[in-house]
Amino acid sequence: MRTLTEPNRLTAYLADDVRWTVHGNAKFCDTYKGKEDVVQRLFGELAPLLETIGPFEIGNVIREGDHVVVQAVGTGRTTKTGRPYNNDYCLVVKLANERSPNSTSTDTELITSAFGSK
């Protein structure tokens, strides 16, 4: 299993024109347009709510053409209120020039449990 522990490691793989969608109606569910939007509105609003960030462990990676499916888990994550946030991810990524212009992830029940609703 490959682990990303530095926050900037993930954003380094995002294209400037990334389109990141978190499906559902929970907090943080939205479509973020552009790397700055992802960093500011998604990661920037999520990070201050976490007491510990922990590593992003990559499990399975499946590639077909310019699409990659990544199964991963965030481990060792706790919210400032003490709730665990060890989210499982299934990212569907479209690659362009080794960067991701599109990404999708979801586990809205855990998001609501850890952070409340919108």
PDB file of N, CA and C in Angstrom:
ATOM      1  N   MET A   1       0.844  -1.165   0.000  1.00  0.00           N
ATOM      2  CA  MET A   1       0.000   0.000   0.000  1.00  0.00           C
ATOM      3  C   MET A   1       0.901   1.244   0.000  1.00  0.00           C
ATOM      4  N   ARG A   2       0.619   2.172  -0.855  1.00  0.00           N
ATOM      5  CA  ARG A   2       1.383   3.420  -0.958  1.00  0.00           C
ATOM      6  C   ARG A   2       0.724   4.482  -0.082  1.00  0.00           C
ATOM      7  N   THR A   3       1.510   5.295   0.596  1.00  0.00           N
ATOM      8  CA  THR A   3       0.979   6.281   1.523  1.00  0.00           C
ATOM      9  C   THR A   3       1.443   7.684   1.154  1.00  0.00           C
ATOM     10  N   LEU A   4       0.495   8.614   1.151  1.00  0.00           N
ATOM     11  CA  LEU A   4       0.808  10.032   0.990  1.00  0.00           C
ATOM     12  C   LEU A   4       0.578  10.693   2.337  1.00  0.00           C
ATOM     13  N   THR A   5       1.620  11.263   2.928  1.00  0.00           N
ATOM     14  CA  THR A   5       1.478  11.861   4.248  1.00  0.00           C
ATOM     15  C   THR A   5       1.565  13.380   4.232  1.00  0.00           C
ATOM     16  N   GLU A   6       2.115  13.953   3.206  1.00  0.00           N
ATOM     17  CA  GLU A   6       2.230  15.407   3.143  1.00  0.00           C
ATOM     18  C   GLU A   6       1.030  15.982   2.398  1.00  0.00           C
ATOM     19  N   PRO A   7       0.346  16.998   2.985  1.00  0.00           N
ATOM     20  CA  PRO A   7      -0.849  17.556   2.341  1.00  0.00           C
ATOM     21  C   PRO A   7      -0.615  18.021   0.910  1.00  0.00           C
ATOM     22  N   ASN A   8       0.555  18.563   0.607  1.00  0.00           N
ATOM     23  CA  ASN A   8       0.810  19.082  -0.737  1.00  0.00           C
ATOM     24  C   ASN A   8       1.064  17.990  -1.761  1.00  0.00           C
ATOM     25  N   ARG A   9       1.306  16.762  -1.308  1.00  0.00           N
ATOM     26  CA  ARG A   9       1.571  15.683  -2.259  1.00  0.00           C
ATOM     27  C   ARG A   9       0.353  15.409  -3.144  1.00  0.00           C
ATOM     28  N   LEU A  10      -0.839  15.411  -2.566  1.00  0.00           N
ATOM     29  CA  LEU A  10      -2.045  15.155  -3.348  1.00  0.00           C
ATOM     30  C   LEU A  10      -2.317  16.297  -4.319  1.00  0.00           C
ATOM     31  N   THR A  11      -2.209  17.527  -3.858  1.00  0.00           N
ATOM     32  CA  THR A  11      -2.496  18.661  -4.734  1.00  0.00           C
ATOM     33  C   THR A  11      -1.482  18.787  -5.862  1.00  0.00           C
ATOM     34  N   ALA A  12      -0.302  18.231  -5.692  1.00  0.00           N
ATOM     35  CA  ALA A  12       0.697  18.263  -6.752  1.00  0.00           C
ATOM     36  C   ALA A  12       0.239  17.495  -7.985  1.00  0.00           C
ATOM     37  N   TYR A  13      -0.685  16.550  -7.792  1.00  0.00           N
ATOM     38  CA  TYR A  13      -1.180  15.735  -8.903  1.00  0.00           C
ATOM     39  C   TYR A  13      -2.429  16.312  -9.547  1.00  0.00           C
ATOM     40  N   LEU A  14      -2.908  17.428  -9.054  1.00  0.00           N
ATOM     41  CA  LEU A  14      -4.110  18.035  -9.619  1.00  0.00           C
ATOM     42  C   LEU A  14      -3.745  19.011 -10.733  1.00  0.00           C
ATOM     43  N   ALA A  15      -4.475  18.930 -11.828  1.00  0.00           N
ATOM     44  CA  ALA A  15      -4.297  19.896 -12.914  1.00  0.00           C
ATOM     45  C   ALA A  15      -4.857  21.242 -12.463  1.00  0.00           C
ATOM     46  N   ASP A  16      -4.358  22.311 -13.041  1.00  0.00           N
ATOM     47  CA  ASP A  16      -4.864  23.639 -12.689  1.00  0.00           C
ATOM     48  C   ASP A  16      -6.360  23.753 -12.958  1.00  0.00           C
ATOM     49  N   ASP A  17      -6.853  23.030 -13.988  1.00  0.00           N
ATOM     50  CA  ASP A  17      -8.269  23.099 -14.339  1.00  0.00           C
ATOM     51  C   ASP A  17      -9.049  21.880 -13.838  1.00  0.00           C
ATOM     52  N   VAL A  18      -8.609  21.278 -12.721  1.00  0.00           N
ATOM     53  CA  VAL A  18      -9.278  20.114 -12.149  1.00  0.00           C
ATOM     54  C   VAL A  18     -10.752  20.418 -11.894  1.00  0.00           C
ATOM     55  N   ARG A  19     -11.555  19.400 -11.994  1.00  0.00           N
ATOM     56  CA  ARG A  19     -12.978  19.476 -11.644  1.00  0.00           C
ATOM     57  C   ARG A  19     -13.214  18.323 -10.673  1.00  0.00           C
ATOM     58  N   TRP A  20     -13.384  18.626  -9.386  1.00  0.00           N
ATOM     59  CA  TRP A  20     -13.492  17.619  -8.335  1.00  0.00           C
ATOM     60  C   TRP A  20     -14.920  17.642  -7.806  1.00  0.00           C
ATOM     61  N   THR A  21     -15.632  16.527  -7.897  1.00  0.00           N
ATOM     62  CA  THR A  21     -17.010  16.442  -7.440  1.00  0.00           C
ATOM     63  C   THR A  21     -17.118  15.497  -6.263  1.00  0.00           C
ATOM     64  N   VAL A  22     -17.729  15.971  -5.187  1.00  0.00           N
ATOM     65  CA  VAL A  22     -18.097  15.127  -4.054  1.00  0.00           C
ATOM     66  C   VAL A  22     -19.618  15.044  -4.126  1.00  0.00           C
ATOM     67  N   HIS A  23     -20.135  13.870  -4.516  1.00  0.00           N
ATOM     68  CA  HIS A  23     -21.570  13.693  -4.733  1.00  0.00           C
ATOM     69  C   HIS A  23     -22.333  13.622  -3.423  1.00  0.00           C
ATOM     70  N   GLY A  24     -23.586  14.038  -3.454  1.00  0.00           N
ATOM     71  CA  GLY A  24     -24.476  13.906  -2.309  1.00  0.00           C
ATOM     72  C   GLY A  24     -24.930  15.248  -1.794  1.00  0.00           C
ATOM     73  N   ASN A  25     -25.503  15.224  -0.585  1.00  0.00           N
ATOM     74  CA  ASN A  25     -26.038  16.437   0.027  1.00  0.00           C
ATOM     75  C   ASN A  25     -25.361  16.780   1.348  1.00  0.00           C
ATOM     76  N   ALA A  26     -24.321  16.069   1.700  1.00  0.00           N
ATOM     77  CA  ALA A  26     -23.620  16.310   2.961  1.00  0.00           C
ATOM     78  C   ALA A  26     -22.717  17.534   2.844  1.00  0.00           C
ATOM     79  N   LYS A  27     -22.191  17.935   3.968  1.00  0.00           N
ATOM     80  CA  LYS A  27     -21.219  19.024   4.003  1.00  0.00           C
ATOM     81  C   LYS A  27     -20.083  18.680   3.037  1.00  0.00           C
ATOM     82  N   PHE A  28     -19.571  19.638   2.356  1.00  0.00           N
ATOM     83  CA  PHE A  28     -18.486  19.520   1.378  1.00  0.00           C
ATOM     84  C   PHE A  28     -18.928  18.920   0.042  1.00  0.00           C
ATOM     85  N   CYS A  29     -20.175  18.470  -0.079  1.00  0.00           N
ATOM     86  CA  CYS A  29     -20.647  17.938  -1.361  1.00  0.00           C
ATOM     87  C   CYS A  29     -20.879  19.114  -2.302  1.00  0.00           C
ATOM     88  N   ASP A  30     -20.155  19.092  -3.403  1.00  0.00           N
ATOM     89  CA  ASP A  30     -20.203  20.185  -4.366  1.00  0.00           C
ATOM     90  C   ASP A  30     -19.294  19.806  -5.520  1.00  0.00           C
ATOM     91  N   THR A  31     -19.278  20.616  -6.546  1.00  0.00           N
ATOM     92  CA  THR A  31     -18.299  20.478  -7.610  1.00  0.00           C
ATOM     93  C   THR A  31     -17.340  21.648  -7.491  1.00  0.00           C
ATOM     94  N   TYR A  32     -16.075  21.308  -7.316  1.00  0.00           N
ATOM     95  CA  TYR A  32     -15.021  22.302  -7.154  1.00  0.00           C
ATOM     96  C   TYR A  32     -14.319  22.445  -8.496  1.00  0.00           C
ATOM     97  N   LYS A  33     -14.190  23.664  -8.956  1.00  0.00           N
ATOM     98  CA  LYS A  33     -13.666  23.918 -10.299  1.00  0.00           C
ATOM     99  C   LYS A  33     -12.345  24.662 -10.225  1.00  0.00           C
ATOM    100  N   GLY A  34     -11.284  23.961 -10.589  1.00  0.00           N
ATOM    101  CA  GLY A  34      -9.951  24.541 -10.568  1.00  0.00           C
ATOM    102  C   GLY A  34      -9.202  24.154  -9.313  1.00  0.00           C
ATOM    103  N   LYS A  35      -7.886  24.037  -9.438  1.00  0.00           N
ATOM    104  CA  LYS A  35      -7.032  23.627  -8.331  1.00  0.00           C
ATOM    105  C   LYS A  35      -7.190  24.555  -7.128  1.00  0.00           C
ATOM    106  N   GLU A  36      -7.229  25.868  -7.371  1.00  0.00           N
ATOM    107  CA  GLU A  36      -7.379  26.825  -6.273  1.00  0.00           C
ATOM    108  C   GLU A  36      -8.688  26.627  -5.530  1.00  0.00           C
ATOM    109  N   ASP A  37      -9.768  26.328  -6.255  1.00  0.00           N
ATOM    110  CA  ASP A  37     -11.071  26.091  -5.626  1.00  0.00           C
ATOM    111  C   ASP A  37     -11.011  24.840  -4.739  1.00  0.00           C
ATOM    112  N   VAL A  38     -10.381  23.772  -5.232  1.00  0.00           N
ATOM    113  CA  VAL A  38     -10.225  22.548  -4.446  1.00  0.00           C
ATOM    114  C   VAL A  38      -9.413  22.835  -3.181  1.00  0.00           C
ATOM    115  N   VAL A  39      -8.296  23.526  -3.348  1.00  0.00           N
ATOM    116  CA  VAL A  39      -7.415  23.810  -2.216  1.00  0.00           C
ATOM    117  C   VAL A  39      -8.104  24.733  -1.209  1.00  0.00           C
ATOM    118  N   GLN A  40      -8.758  25.793  -1.679  1.00  0.00           N
ATOM    119  CA  GLN A  40      -9.365  26.776  -0.783  1.00  0.00           C
ATOM    120  C   GLN A  40     -10.674  26.285  -0.158  1.00  0.00           C
ATOM    121  N   ARG A  41     -11.624  25.882  -0.989  1.00  0.00           N
ATOM    122  CA  ARG A  41     -12.960  25.575  -0.477  1.00  0.00           C
ATOM    123  C   ARG A  41     -13.101  24.157   0.071  1.00  0.00           C
ATOM    124  N   LEU A  42     -12.421  23.179  -0.521  1.00  0.00           N
ATOM    125  CA  LEU A  42     -12.554  21.803  -0.029  1.00  0.00           C
ATOM    126  C   LEU A  42     -11.506  21.529   1.042  1.00  0.00           C
ATOM    127  N   PHE A  43     -10.251  21.468   0.648  1.00  0.00           N
ATOM    128  CA  PHE A  43      -9.192  21.152   1.609  1.00  0.00           C
ATOM    129  C   PHE A  43      -9.059  22.259   2.661  1.00  0.00           C
ATOM    130  N   GLY A  44      -9.206  23.509   2.244  1.00  0.00           N
ATOM    131  CA  GLY A  44      -9.054  24.634   3.158  1.00  0.00           C
ATOM    132  C   GLY A  44     -10.125  24.697   4.228  1.00  0.00           C
ATOM    133  N   GLU A  45     -11.335  24.251   3.924  1.00  0.00           N
ATOM    134  CA  GLU A  45     -12.410  24.232   4.917  1.00  0.00           C
ATOM    135  C   GLU A  45     -12.401  22.954   5.737  1.00  0.00           C
ATOM    136  N   LEU A  46     -11.896  21.862   5.156  1.00  0.00           N
ATOM    137  CA  LEU A  46     -11.852  20.588   5.865  1.00  0.00           C
ATOM    138  C   LEU A  46     -10.705  20.533   6.876  1.00  0.00           C
ATOM    139  N   ALA A  47      -9.529  20.960   6.476  1.00  0.00           N
ATOM    140  CA  ALA A  47      -8.329  20.835   7.322  1.00  0.00           C
ATOM    141  C   ALA A  47      -8.487  21.462   8.712  1.00  0.00           C
ATOM    142  N   PRO A  48      -9.057  22.667   8.858  1.00  0.00           N
ATOM    143  CA  PRO A  48      -9.183  23.247  10.202  1.00  0.00           C
ATOM    144  C   PRO A  48     -10.137  22.483  11.121  1.00  0.00           C
ATOM    145  N   LEU A  49     -10.978  21.621  10.564  1.00  0.00           N
ATOM    146  CA  LEU A  49     -11.915  20.834  11.365  1.00  0.00           C
ATOM    147  C   LEU A  49     -11.295  19.541  11.881  1.00  0.00           C
ATOM    148  N   LEU A  50     -10.085  19.232  11.405  1.00  0.00           N
ATOM    149  CA  LEU A  50      -9.415  18.000  11.799  1.00  0.00           C
ATOM    150  C   LEU A  50      -8.356  18.260  12.862  1.00  0.00           C
ATOM    151  N   GLU A  51      -8.370  17.435  13.888  1.00  0.00           N
ATOM    152  CA  GLU A  51      -7.336  17.489  14.917  1.00  0.00           C
ATOM    153  C   GLU A  51      -6.063  16.840  14.390  1.00  0.00           C
ATOM    154  N   THR A  52      -6.250  15.704  13.704  1.00  0.00           N
ATOM    155  CA  THR A  52      -5.131  14.996  13.084  1.00  0.00           C
ATOM    156  C   THR A  52      -5.508  14.704  11.639  1.00  0.00           C
ATOM    157  N   ILE A  53      -4.544  14.822  10.740  1.00  0.00           N
ATOM    158  CA  ILE A  53      -4.812  14.581   9.320  1.00  0.00           C
ATOM    159  C   ILE A  53      -4.498  13.144   8.942  1.00  0.00           C
ATOM    160  N   GLY A  54      -3.392  12.592   9.381  1.00  0.00           N
ATOM    161  CA  GLY A  54      -3.050  11.204   9.080  1.00  0.00           C
ATOM    162  C   GLY A  54      -2.752  10.982   7.611  1.00  0.00           C
ATOM    163  N   PRO A  55      -2.231   9.822   7.286  1.00  0.00           N
ATOM    164  CA  PRO A  55      -1.852   9.528   5.900  1.00  0.00           C
ATOM    165  C   PRO A  55      -3.035   9.143   5.023  1.00  0.00           C
ATOM    166  N   PHE A  56      -2.834   9.261   3.739  1.00  0.00           N
ATOM    167  CA  PHE A  56      -3.767   8.847   2.698  1.00  0.00           C
ATOM    168  C   PHE A  56      -3.154   7.594   2.092  1.00  0.00           C
ATOM    169  N   GLU A  57      -3.705   6.430   2.428  1.00  0.00           N
ATOM    170  CA  GLU A  57      -3.131   5.159   1.981  1.00  0.00           C
ATOM    171  C   GLU A  57      -3.821   4.671   0.715  1.00  0.00           C
ATOM    172  N   ILE A  58      -3.036   4.487  -0.314  1.00  0.00           N
ATOM    173  CA  ILE A  58      -3.560   4.054  -1.608  1.00  0.00           C
ATOM    174  C   ILE A  58      -3.498   2.544  -1.673  1.00  0.00           C
ATOM    175  N   GLY A  59      -4.651   1.932  -1.945  1.00  0.00           N
ATOM    176  CA  GLY A  59      -4.730   0.476  -2.060  1.00  0.00           C
ATOM    177  C   GLY A  59      -4.641   0.051  -3.514  1.00  0.00           C
ATOM    178  N   ASN A  60      -5.771  -0.174  -4.137  1.00  0.00           N
ATOM    179  CA  ASN A  60      -5.823  -0.631  -5.519  1.00  0.00           C
ATOM    180  C   ASN A  60      -5.835   0.540  -6.486  1.00  0.00           C
ATOM    181  N   VAL A  61      -5.138   0.351  -7.597  1.00  0.00           N
ATOM    182  CA  VAL A  61      -5.134   1.326  -8.681  1.00  0.00           C
ATOM    183  C   VAL A  61      -5.394   0.555  -9.969  1.00  0.00           C
ATOM    184  N   ILE A  62      -6.442   0.956 -10.673  1.00  0.00           N
ATOM    185  CA  ILE A  62      -6.804   0.300 -11.929  1.00  0.00           C
ATOM    186  C   ILE A  62      -6.824   1.365 -13.019  1.00  0.00           C
ATOM    187  N   ARG A  63      -6.096   1.110 -14.107  1.00  0.00           N
ATOM    188  CA  ARG A  63      -6.026   2.095 -15.187  1.00  0.00           C
ATOM    189  C   ARG A  63      -6.526   1.479 -16.480  1.00  0.00           C
ATOM    190  N   GLU A  64      -7.335   2.250 -17.170  1.00  0.00           N
ATOM    191  CA  GLU A  64      -7.818   1.875 -18.495  1.00  0.00           C
ATOM    192  C   GLU A  64      -7.805   3.134 -19.344  1.00  0.00           C
ATOM    193  N   GLY A  65      -6.919   3.191 -20.295  1.00  0.00           N
ATOM    194  CA  GLY A  65      -6.793   4.386 -21.130  1.00  0.00           C
ATOM    195  C   GLY A  65      -6.384   5.576 -20.285  1.00  0.00           C
ATOM    196  N   ASP A  66      -7.159   6.667 -20.380  1.00  0.00           N
ATOM    197  CA  ASP A  66      -6.824   7.863 -19.609  1.00  0.00           C
ATOM    198  C   ASP A  66      -7.607   7.970 -18.300  1.00  0.00           C
ATOM    199  N   HIS A  67      -8.269   6.866 -17.903  1.00  0.00           N
ATOM    200  CA  HIS A  67      -9.003   6.842 -16.638  1.00  0.00           C
ATOM    201  C   HIS A  67      -8.318   5.923 -15.634  1.00  0.00           C
ATOM    202  N   VAL A  68      -8.326   6.344 -14.370  1.00  0.00           N
ATOM    203  CA  VAL A  68      -7.743   5.573 -13.282  1.00  0.00           C
ATOM    204  C   VAL A  68      -8.757   5.532 -12.146  1.00  0.00           C
ATOM    205  N   VAL A  69      -8.940   4.347 -11.576  1.00  0.00           N
ATOM    206  CA  VAL A  69      -9.767   4.195 -10.382  1.00  0.00           C
ATOM    207  C   VAL A  69      -8.819   3.896  -9.227  1.00  0.00           C
ATOM    208  N   VAL A  70      -8.927   4.681  -8.164  1.00  0.00           N
ATOM    209  CA  VAL A  70      -8.041   4.539  -7.018  1.00  0.00           C
ATOM    210  C   VAL A  70      -8.887   4.261  -5.778  1.00  0.00           C
ATOM    211  N   GLN A  71      -8.617   3.132  -5.118  1.00  0.00           N
ATOM    212  CA  GLN A  71      -9.221   2.849  -3.826  1.00  0.00           C
ATOM    213  C   GLN A  71      -8.213   3.256  -2.767  1.00  0.00           C
ATOM    214  N   ALA A  72      -8.666   4.040  -1.798  1.00  0.00           N
ATOM    215  CA  ALA A  72      -7.756   4.540  -0.770  1.00  0.00           C
ATOM    216  C   ALA A  72      -8.518   4.747   0.530  1.00  0.00           C
ATOM    217  N   VAL A  73      -7.766   4.978   1.598  1.00  0.00           N
ATOM    218  CA  VAL A  73      -8.361   5.282   2.895  1.00  0.00           C
ATOM    219  C   VAL A  73      -7.511   6.333   3.591  1.00  0.00           C
ATOM    220  N   GLY A  74      -8.190   7.267   4.236  1.00  0.00           N
ATOM    221  CA  GLY A  74      -7.509   8.225   5.098  1.00  0.00           C
ATOM    222  C   GLY A  74      -7.490   7.616   6.487  1.00  0.00           C
ATOM    223  N   THR A  75      -6.322   7.452   7.083  1.00  0.00           N
ATOM    224  CA  THR A  75      -6.233   6.811   8.397  1.00  0.00           C
ATOM    225  C   THR A  75      -5.682   7.778   9.434  1.00  0.00           C
ATOM    226  N   GLY A  76      -5.953   7.484  10.688  1.00  0.00           N
ATOM    227  CA  GLY A  76      -5.435   8.311  11.770  1.00  0.00           C
ATOM    228  C   GLY A  76      -6.021   9.701  11.791  1.00  0.00           C
ATOM    229  N   ARG A  77      -7.239   9.866  11.279  1.00  0.00           N
ATOM    230  CA  ARG A  77      -7.868  11.181  11.209  1.00  0.00           C
ATOM    231  C   ARG A  77      -8.926  11.311  12.300  1.00  0.00           C
ATOM    232  N   THR A  78      -8.875  12.427  13.005  1.00  0.00           N
ATOM    233  CA  THR A  78      -9.840  12.714  14.056  1.00  0.00           C
ATOM    234  C   THR A  78     -10.277  14.166  13.915  1.00  0.00           C
ATOM    235  N   THR A  79     -11.586  14.401  14.087  1.00  0.00           N
ATOM    236  CA  THR A  79     -12.081  15.774  14.027  1.00  0.00           C
ATOM    237  C   THR A  79     -11.756  16.487  15.334  1.00  0.00           C
ATOM    238  N   LYS A  80     -11.876  17.798  15.330  1.00  0.00           N
ATOM    239  CA  LYS A  80     -11.634  18.591  16.547  1.00  0.00           C
ATOM    240  C   LYS A  80     -12.639  18.228  17.635  1.00  0.00           C
ATOM    241  N   THR A  81     -13.787  17.647  17.254  1.00  0.00           N
ATOM    242  CA  THR A  81     -14.787  17.221  18.241  1.00  0.00           C
ATOM    243  C   THR A  81     -14.528  15.797  18.725  1.00  0.00           C
ATOM    244  N   GLY A  82     -13.462  15.169  18.238  1.00  0.00           N
ATOM    245  CA  GLY A  82     -13.094  13.834  18.694  1.00  0.00           C
ATOM    246  C   GLY A  82     -13.675  12.689  17.893  1.00  0.00           C
ATOM    247  N   ARG A  83     -14.432  12.987  16.854  1.00  0.00           N
ATOM    248  CA  ARG A  83     -15.012  11.925  16.021  1.00  0.00           C
ATOM    249  C   ARG A  83     -13.988  11.426  15.015  1.00  0.00           C
ATOM    250  N   PRO A  84     -13.980  10.115  14.768  1.00  0.00           N
ATOM    251  CA  PRO A  84     -13.046   9.595  13.759  1.00  0.00           C
ATOM    252  C   PRO A  84     -13.485   9.995  12.355  1.00  0.00           C
ATOM    253  N   TYR A  85     -12.514  10.213  11.482  1.00  0.00           N
ATOM    254  CA  TYR A  85     -12.800  10.496  10.073  1.00  0.00           C
ATOM    255  C   TYR A  85     -11.801   9.732   9.209  1.00  0.00           C
ATOM    256  N   ASN A  86     -11.918   8.425   9.268  1.00  0.00           N
ATOM    257  CA  ASN A  86     -11.065   7.544   8.474  1.00  0.00           C
ATOM    258  C   ASN A  86     -11.856   7.103   7.252  1.00  0.00           C
ATOM    259  N   ASN A  87     -12.009   8.014   6.333  1.00  0.00           N
ATOM    260  CA  ASN A  87     -12.874   7.825   5.181  1.00  0.00           C
ATOM    261  C   ASN A  87     -12.261   6.877   4.156  1.00  0.00           C
ATOM    262  N   ASP A  88     -13.115   6.017   3.587  1.00  0.00           N
ATOM    263  CA  ASP A  88     -12.732   5.201   2.439  1.00  0.00           C
ATOM    264  C   ASP A  88     -13.045   6.000   1.191  1.00  0.00           C
ATOM    265  N   TYR A  89     -12.170   5.927   0.210  1.00  0.00           N
ATOM    266  CA  TYR A  89     -12.347   6.671  -1.025  1.00  0.00           C
ATOM    267  C   TYR A  89     -12.299   5.737  -2.222  1.00  0.00           C
ATOM    268  N   CYS A  90     -13.115   6.037  -3.202  1.00  0.00           N
ATOM    269  CA  CYS A  90     -12.996   5.423  -4.508  1.00  0.00           C
ATOM    270  C   CYS A  90     -12.993   6.587  -5.487  1.00  0.00           C
ATOM    271  N   LEU A  91     -11.818   6.942  -5.946  1.00  0.00           N
ATOM    272  CA  LEU A  91     -11.655   8.087  -6.831  1.00  0.00           C
ATOM    273  C   LEU A  91     -11.639   7.617  -8.274  1.00  0.00           C
ATOM    274  N   VAL A  92     -12.448   8.236  -9.092  1.00  0.00           N
ATOM    275  CA  VAL A  92     -12.433   7.990 -10.528  1.00  0.00           C
ATOM    276  C   VAL A  92     -11.753   9.200 -11.145  1.00  0.00           C
ATOM    277  N   VAL A  93     -10.585   8.978 -11.707  1.00  0.00           N
ATOM    278  CA  VAL A  93      -9.734  10.069 -12.146  1.00  0.00           C
ATOM    279  C   VAL A  93      -9.495   9.972 -13.643  1.00  0.00           C
ATOM    280  N   LYS A  94      -9.637  11.094 -14.326  1.00  0.00           N
ATOM    281  CA  LYS A  94      -9.262  11.170 -15.736  1.00  0.00           C
ATOM    282  C   LYS A  94      -7.937  11.904 -15.797  1.00  0.00           C
ATOM    283  N   LEU A  95      -6.946  11.295 -16.417  1.00  0.00           N
ATOM    284  CA  LEU A  95      -5.612  11.869 -16.483  1.00  0.00           C
ATOM    285  C   LEU A  95      -5.391  12.641 -17.781  1.00  0.00           C
ATOM    286  N   ALA A  96      -4.628  13.697 -17.657  1.00  0.00           N
ATOM    287  CA  ALA A  96      -4.177  14.472 -18.810  1.00  0.00           C
ATOM    288  C   ALA A  96      -2.789  14.981 -18.470  1.00  0.00           C
ATOM    289  N   ASN A  97      -1.799  14.559 -19.231  1.00  0.00           N
ATOM    290  CA  ASN A  97      -0.423  14.984 -18.980  1.00  0.00           C
ATOM    291  C   ASN A  97       0.023  14.695 -17.544  1.00  0.00           C
ATOM    292  N   GLU A  98      -0.293  13.476 -17.052  1.00  0.00           N
ATOM    293  CA  GLU A  98       0.093  13.040 -15.704  1.00  0.00           C
ATOM    294  C   GLU A  98      -0.598  13.816 -14.585  1.00  0.00           C
ATOM    295  N   ARG A  99      -1.584  14.636 -14.894  1.00  0.00           N
ATOM    296  CA  ARG A  99      -2.332  15.383 -13.880  1.00  0.00           C
ATOM    297  C   ARG A  99      -3.805  15.016 -14.001  1.00  0.00           C
ATOM    298  N   SER A 100      -4.551  15.256 -12.932  1.00  0.00           N
ATOM    299  CA  SER A 100      -5.961  14.921 -12.921  1.00  0.00           C
ATOM    300  C   SER A 100      -6.829  16.149 -13.145  1.00  0.00           C
ATOM    301  N   PRO A 101      -7.509  16.231 -14.300  1.00  0.00           N
ATOM    302  CA  PRO A 101      -8.448  17.325 -14.483  1.00  0.00           C
ATOM    303  C   PRO A 101      -9.831  16.998 -13.932  1.00  0.00           C
ATOM    304  N   ASN A 102     -10.096  15.740 -13.577  1.00  0.00           N
ATOM    305  CA  ASN A 102     -11.401  15.337 -13.057  1.00  0.00           C
ATOM    306  C   ASN A 102     -11.225  14.291 -11.964  1.00  0.00           C
ATOM    307  N   SER A 103     -11.968  14.452 -10.883  1.00  0.00           N
ATOM    308  CA  SER A 103     -11.906  13.483  -9.799  1.00  0.00           C
ATOM    309  C   SER A 103     -13.240  13.470  -9.082  1.00  0.00           C
ATOM    310  N   THR A 104     -13.644  12.302  -8.610  1.00  0.00           N
ATOM    311  CA  THR A 104     -14.911  12.144  -7.915  1.00  0.00           C
ATOM    312  C   THR A 104     -14.695  11.282  -6.682  1.00  0.00           C
ATOM    313  N   SER A 105     -15.291  11.670  -5.562  1.00  0.00           N
ATOM    314  CA  SER A 105     -15.202  10.855  -4.358  1.00  0.00           C
ATOM    315  C   SER A 105     -16.471  10.996  -3.539  1.00  0.00           C
ATOM    316  N   THR A 106     -16.784   9.964  -2.740  1.00  0.00           N
ATOM    317  CA  THR A 106     -18.013   9.995  -1.965  1.00  0.00           C
ATOM    318  C   THR A 106     -17.965   9.072  -0.758  1.00  0.00           C
ATOM    319  N   ASP A 107     -18.372   9.534   0.368  1.00  0.00           N
ATOM    320  CA  ASP A 107     -18.861   8.765   1.514  1.00  0.00           C
ATOM    321  C   ASP A 107     -19.595   9.764   2.376  1.00  0.00           C
ATOM    322  N   THR A 108     -20.796  10.124   1.942  1.00  0.00           N
ATOM    323  CA  THR A 108     -21.521  11.209   2.582  1.00  0.00           C
ATOM    324  C   THR A 108     -21.989  10.868   3.984  1.00  0.00           C
ATOM    325  N   GLU A 109     -22.246   9.611   4.285  1.00  0.00           N
ATOM    326  CA  GLU A 109     -22.659   9.243   5.646  1.00  0.00           C
ATOM    327  C   GLU A 109     -21.554   9.553   6.643  1.00  0.00           C
ATOM    328  N   LEU A 110     -20.321   9.220   6.307  1.00  0.00           N
ATOM    329  CA  LEU A 110     -19.214   9.500   7.205  1.00  0.00           C
ATOM    330  C   LEU A 110     -18.985  11.007   7.329  1.00  0.00           C
ATOM    331  N   ILE A 111     -19.115  11.731   6.232  1.00  0.00           N
ATOM    332  CA  ILE A 111     -18.958  13.182   6.280  1.00  0.00           C
ATOM    333  C   ILE A 111     -19.979  13.776   7.245  1.00  0.00           C
ATOM    334  N   THR A 112     -21.252  13.373   7.132  1.00  0.00           N
ATOM    335  CA  THR A 112     -22.298  13.895   8.009  1.00  0.00           C
ATOM    336  C   THR A 112     -22.053  13.480   9.452  1.00  0.00           C
ATOM    337  N   SER A 113     -21.659  12.249   9.664  1.00  0.00           N
ATOM    338  CA  SER A 113     -21.384  11.762  11.015  1.00  0.00           C
ATOM    339  C   SER A 113     -20.241  12.542  11.667  1.00  0.00           C
ATOM    340  N   ALA A 114     -19.220  12.842  10.896  1.00  0.00           N
ATOM    341  CA  ALA A 114     -18.040  13.510  11.449  1.00  0.00           C
ATOM    342  C   ALA A 114     -18.202  15.026  11.559  1.00  0.00           C
ATOM    343  N   PHE A 115     -18.883  15.654  10.588  1.00  0.00           N
ATOM    344  CA  PHE A 115     -18.892  17.117  10.522  1.00  0.00           C
ATOM    345  C   PHE A 115     -20.276  17.741  10.577  1.00  0.00           C
ATOM    346  N   GLY A 116     -21.336  16.948  10.574  1.00  0.00           N
ATOM    347  CA  GLY A 116     -22.684  17.489  10.543  1.00  0.00           C
ATOM    348  C   GLY A 116     -23.127  17.768   9.121  1.00  0.00           C
ATOM    349  N   SER A 117     -24.307  18.321   8.976  1.00  0.00           N
ATOM    350  CA  SER A 117     -24.843  18.581   7.635  1.00  0.00           C
ATOM    351  C   SER A 117     -24.527  19.998   7.200  1.00  0.00           C
ATOM    352  N   LYS A 118     -24.915  20.315   5.971  1.00  0.00           N
ATOM    353  CA  LYS A 118     -24.653  21.647   5.404  1.00  0.00           C
ATOM    354  C   LYS A 118     -25.319  22.720   6.223  1.00  0.00           C
TER     355      LYS A 118
END
